[in-house]
Each structure stands twice: as structure tokens, then as C-alpha cells.
Amino acid sequence: MRQDRIGTAFLASILAVTAGLAAAPAIAQTPYDGLWQVTIVTKTGSCEASAHSMLTVADGKISGPSDVSGSIGREGLVRVSINGAYANGQLTGNAGSGKWNGASGGIPCSGRWEASRQ
């Protein structure tokens, strides 16, 4: 009889903890989540000389006002595609930089980008 009560109490406590964990909101954040101001500068080719964009990082995924997809790893490694151009680089703390390449009218372009957390 005593073992039944102990077993029931143990099972009830496990269920209560499990229910509490399931009810807790999932907050999956990465060190680079937030708003980022990005400046893109063309070094070669006939693409626009420079451009600025505000991008959002949420749970390591990059989004923005145009056709943007990409991710940032926990160590700050950036891989992103923006309107058919591809970029990679590194974020550290509240800043980062890297390289990009793409094309304008079929003519290859490339350059650098810099970002700062807002």
C-alpha cells in the first residue's frame, strides 16, 4: 500500500514537471538575434555602387524586406542569399563583415559587406 502511494506521488510529480515544461514558451535565441544595418559595397562589376538594408535575425535565421534567406551559426558564421546574390562572412559581437557575389544583367559583380547591430 505504501509503495502504491509512493509510486503514485512519483508519477504525479513527473507528470507535473513534464506539463510545466510543455506549457513554457519556447524561447530559442542565438547570440546574434536582433536588427542589423547592412552596407553592401560593389568592388567589381556593374551592380549598384552601394546599398543599405535593415535585416532581422531571429533564432539564427536572416530575413529582410526583399528576397532574403540565410542563417547565422552560433559562432557568427554568416551565409545568406539576397535577390540572387550570395554572401558569407563573420559576425563578432555587434559587428561583422564579409564578401558577396552576384550579377547584374548577366555581368558578374562582387564586393564586401559590413553590418552593425542596432
C-alpha atoms as a PDB file:
ATOM      1  CA  MET A   1       0.000   0.000   0.000  1.00  0.00           C
ATOM      2  CA  ARG A   2       2.780   2.416   0.939  1.00  0.00           C
ATOM      3  CA  GLN A   3       4.654   1.591  -2.299  1.00  0.00           C
ATOM      4  CA  ASP A   4       1.496   2.362  -4.299  1.00  0.00           C
ATOM      5  CA  ARG A   5       1.279   5.826  -2.720  1.00  0.00           C
ATOM      6  CA  ILE A   6       4.970   6.496  -3.319  1.00  0.00           C
ATOM      7  CA  GLY A   7       4.679   5.305  -6.926  1.00  0.00           C
ATOM      8  CA  THR A   8       1.569   7.447  -7.464  1.00  0.00           C
ATOM      9  CA  ALA A   9       3.240  10.500  -5.916  1.00  0.00           C
ATOM     10  CA  PHE A  10       6.360   9.962  -8.034  1.00  0.00           C
ATOM     11  CA  LEU A  11       4.301   9.575 -11.223  1.00  0.00           C
ATOM     12  CA  ALA A  12       2.242  12.682 -10.370  1.00  0.00           C
ATOM     13  CA  SER A  13       5.393  14.759  -9.802  1.00  0.00           C
ATOM     14  CA  ILE A  14       6.885  13.599 -13.139  1.00  0.00           C
ATOM     15  CA  LEU A  15       3.643  14.485 -14.929  1.00  0.00           C
ATOM     16  CA  ALA A  16       3.510  17.907 -13.260  1.00  0.00           C
ATOM     17  CA  VAL A  17       7.094  18.726 -14.252  1.00  0.00           C
ATOM     18  CA  THR A  18       6.505  17.495 -17.800  1.00  0.00           C
ATOM     19  CA  ALA A  19       3.319  19.554 -18.114  1.00  0.00           C
ATOM     20  CA  GLY A  20       5.142  22.617 -16.815  1.00  0.00           C
ATOM     21  CA  LEU A  21       7.909  22.190 -19.379  1.00  0.00           C
ATOM     22  CA  ALA A  22       5.410  21.701 -22.195  1.00  0.00           C
ATOM     23  CA  ALA A  23       3.491  24.830 -21.175  1.00  0.00           C
ATOM     24  CA  ALA A  24       6.602  27.023 -21.008  1.00  0.00           C
ATOM     25  CA  PRO A  25       7.064  29.189 -24.093  1.00  0.00           C
ATOM     26  CA  ALA A  26       9.922  28.136 -26.348  1.00  0.00           C
ATOM     27  CA  ILE A  27      12.481  30.928 -26.481  1.00  0.00           C
ATOM     28  CA  ALA A  28      15.166  29.865 -28.900  1.00  0.00           C
ATOM     29  CA  GLN A  29      17.600  32.732 -29.204  1.00  0.00           C
ATOM     30  CA  THR A  30      21.038  32.903 -30.716  1.00  0.00           C
ATOM     31  CA  PRO A  31      23.764  35.391 -29.770  1.00  0.00           C
ATOM     32  CA  TYR A  32      23.173  37.355 -32.994  1.00  0.00           C
ATOM     33  CA  ASP A  33      19.386  37.758 -32.892  1.00  0.00           C
ATOM     34  CA  GLY A  34      18.170  41.328 -33.455  1.00  0.00           C
ATOM     35  CA  LEU A  35      18.169  44.092 -36.058  1.00  0.00           C
ATOM     36  CA  TRP A  36      21.261  44.575 -38.223  1.00  0.00           C
ATOM     37  CA  GLN A  37      22.088  47.513 -40.505  1.00  0.00           C
ATOM     38  CA  VAL A  38      23.966  46.127 -43.517  1.00  0.00           C
ATOM     39  CA  THR A  39      26.003  48.161 -46.015  1.00  0.00           C
ATOM     40  CA  ILE A  40      26.890  46.492 -49.305  1.00  0.00           C
ATOM     41  CA  VAL A  41      29.685  47.941 -51.490  1.00  0.00           C
ATOM     42  CA  THR A  42      30.419  46.808 -55.046  1.00  0.00           C
ATOM     43  CA  LYS A  43      34.121  46.422 -55.846  1.00  0.00           C
ATOM     44  CA  THR A  44      33.898  44.851 -59.334  1.00  0.00           C
ATOM     45  CA  GLY A  45      31.179  44.738 -61.996  1.00  0.00           C
ATOM     46  CA  SER A  46      28.245  46.945 -62.914  1.00  0.00           C
ATOM     47  CA  CYS A  47      25.993  46.336 -59.886  1.00  0.00           C
ATOM     48  CA  GLU A  48      24.742  49.255 -57.817  1.00  0.00           C
ATOM     49  CA  ALA A  49      27.749  51.009 -56.215  1.00  0.00           C
ATOM     50  CA  SER A  50      26.399  50.641 -52.676  1.00  0.00           C
ATOM     51  CA  ALA A  51      23.216  49.719 -50.870  1.00  0.00           C
ATOM     52  CA  HIS A  52      21.910  49.706 -47.310  1.00  0.00           C
ATOM     53  CA  SER A  53      19.402  47.334 -45.792  1.00  0.00           C
ATOM     54  CA  MET A  54      17.969  46.545 -42.375  1.00  0.00           C
ATOM     55  CA  LEU A  55      17.879  42.800 -41.776  1.00  0.00           C
ATOM     56  CA  THR A  56      16.396  40.841 -38.899  1.00  0.00           C
ATOM     57  CA  VAL A  57      17.974  37.796 -37.279  1.00  0.00           C
ATOM     58  CA  ALA A  58      15.608  35.600 -35.274  1.00  0.00           C
ATOM     59  CA  ASP A  59      16.704  32.225 -33.943  1.00  0.00           C
ATOM     60  CA  GLY A  60      19.706  32.411 -36.272  1.00  0.00           C
ATOM     61  CA  LYS A  61      17.591  32.898 -39.417  1.00  0.00           C
ATOM     62  CA  ILE A  62      18.018  36.027 -41.542  1.00  0.00           C
ATOM     63  CA  SER A  63      15.027  37.881 -43.002  1.00  0.00           C
ATOM     64  CA  GLY A  64      14.515  41.263 -44.592  1.00  0.00           C
ATOM     65  CA  PRO A  65      12.358  43.421 -46.828  1.00  0.00           C
ATOM     66  CA  SER A  66      13.281  41.653 -50.071  1.00  0.00           C
ATOM     67  CA  ASP A  67      14.104  38.127 -51.220  1.00  0.00           C
ATOM     68  CA  VAL A  68      16.420  37.268 -48.310  1.00  0.00           C
ATOM     69  CA  SER A  69      17.226  33.861 -46.882  1.00  0.00           C
ATOM     70  CA  GLY A  70      20.111  32.730 -44.791  1.00  0.00           C
ATOM     71  CA  SER A  71      21.432  31.832 -41.405  1.00  0.00           C
ATOM     72  CA  ILE A  72      23.991  32.731 -38.789  1.00  0.00           C
ATOM     73  CA  GLY A  73      25.650  29.981 -36.792  1.00  0.00           C
ATOM     74  CA  ARG A  74      26.257  30.243 -33.045  1.00  0.00           C
ATOM     75  CA  GLU A  75      29.900  31.157 -33.756  1.00  0.00           C
ATOM     76  CA  GLY A  76      28.796  34.001 -36.077  1.00  0.00           C
ATOM     77  CA  LEU A  77      29.356  32.369 -39.481  1.00  0.00           C
ATOM     78  CA  VAL A  78      27.045  34.095 -41.989  1.00  0.00           C
ATOM     79  CA  ARG A  79      25.609  32.519 -45.147  1.00  0.00           C
ATOM     80  CA  VAL A  80      22.915  34.477 -46.989  1.00  0.00           C
ATOM     81  CA  SER A  81      21.215  34.883 -50.351  1.00  0.00           C
ATOM     82  CA  ILE A  82      19.742  38.289 -51.278  1.00  0.00           C
ATOM     83  CA  ASN A  83      17.951  38.786 -54.615  1.00  0.00           C
ATOM     84  CA  GLY A  84      20.132  36.168 -56.313  1.00  0.00           C
ATOM     85  CA  ALA A  85      23.422  37.402 -54.821  1.00  0.00           C
ATOM     86  CA  TYR A  86      25.286  35.270 -52.308  1.00  0.00           C
ATOM     87  CA  ALA A  87      27.250  36.439 -49.286  1.00  0.00           C
ATOM     88  CA  ASN A  88      29.274  34.925 -46.492  1.00  0.00           C
ATOM     89  CA  GLY A  89      31.274  36.315 -43.644  1.00  0.00           C
ATOM     90  CA  GLN A  90      31.613  36.562 -39.900  1.00  0.00           C
ATOM     91  CA  LEU A  91      29.821  38.399 -37.092  1.00  0.00           C
ATOM     92  CA  THR A  92      31.577  39.056 -33.810  1.00  0.00           C
ATOM     93  CA  GLY A  93      29.698  40.798 -31.030  1.00  0.00           C
ATOM     94  CA  ASN A  94      27.809  43.723 -32.562  1.00  0.00           C
ATOM     95  CA  ALA A  95      29.588  43.952 -35.923  1.00  0.00           C
ATOM     96  CA  GLY A  96      30.574  41.860 -38.881  1.00  0.00           C
ATOM     97  CA  SER A  97      31.839  41.824 -42.437  1.00  0.00           C
ATOM     98  CA  GLY A  98      32.335  39.574 -45.409  1.00  0.00           C
ATOM     99  CA  LYS A  99      32.215  39.176 -49.171  1.00  0.00           C
ATOM    100  CA  TRP A 100      29.400  38.847 -51.682  1.00  0.00           C
ATOM    101  CA  ASN A 101      29.000  37.973 -55.362  1.00  0.00           C
ATOM    102  CA  GLY A 102      26.164  38.140 -57.840  1.00  0.00           C
ATOM    103  CA  ALA A 103      25.333  39.527 -61.277  1.00  0.00           C
ATOM    104  CA  SER A 104      23.575  42.476 -62.899  1.00  0.00           C
ATOM    105  CA  GLY A 105      22.271  41.938 -66.407  1.00  0.00           C
ATOM    106  CA  GLY A 106      24.318  38.761 -66.635  1.00  0.00           C
ATOM    107  CA  ILE A 107      27.563  40.589 -65.787  1.00  0.00           C
ATOM    108  CA  PRO A 108      29.282  39.302 -62.631  1.00  0.00           C
ATOM    109  CA  CYS A 109      29.636  41.639 -59.637  1.00  0.00           C
ATOM    110  CA  SER A 110      31.302  41.248 -56.282  1.00  0.00           C
ATOM    111  CA  GLY A 111      32.229  43.251 -53.251  1.00  0.00           C
ATOM    112  CA  ARG A 112      32.208  43.498 -49.488  1.00  0.00           C
ATOM    113  CA  TRP A 113      29.563  43.980 -46.836  1.00  0.00           C
ATOM    114  CA  GLU A 114      29.617  45.331 -43.304  1.00  0.00           C
ATOM    115  CA  ALA A 115      26.966  45.017 -40.631  1.00  0.00           C
ATOM    116  CA  SER A 116      26.286  46.549 -37.243  1.00  0.00           C
ATOM    117  CA  ARG A 117      23.681  45.539 -34.686  1.00  0.00           C
ATOM    118  CA  GLN A 118      21.118  48.233 -33.995  1.00  0.00           C
END
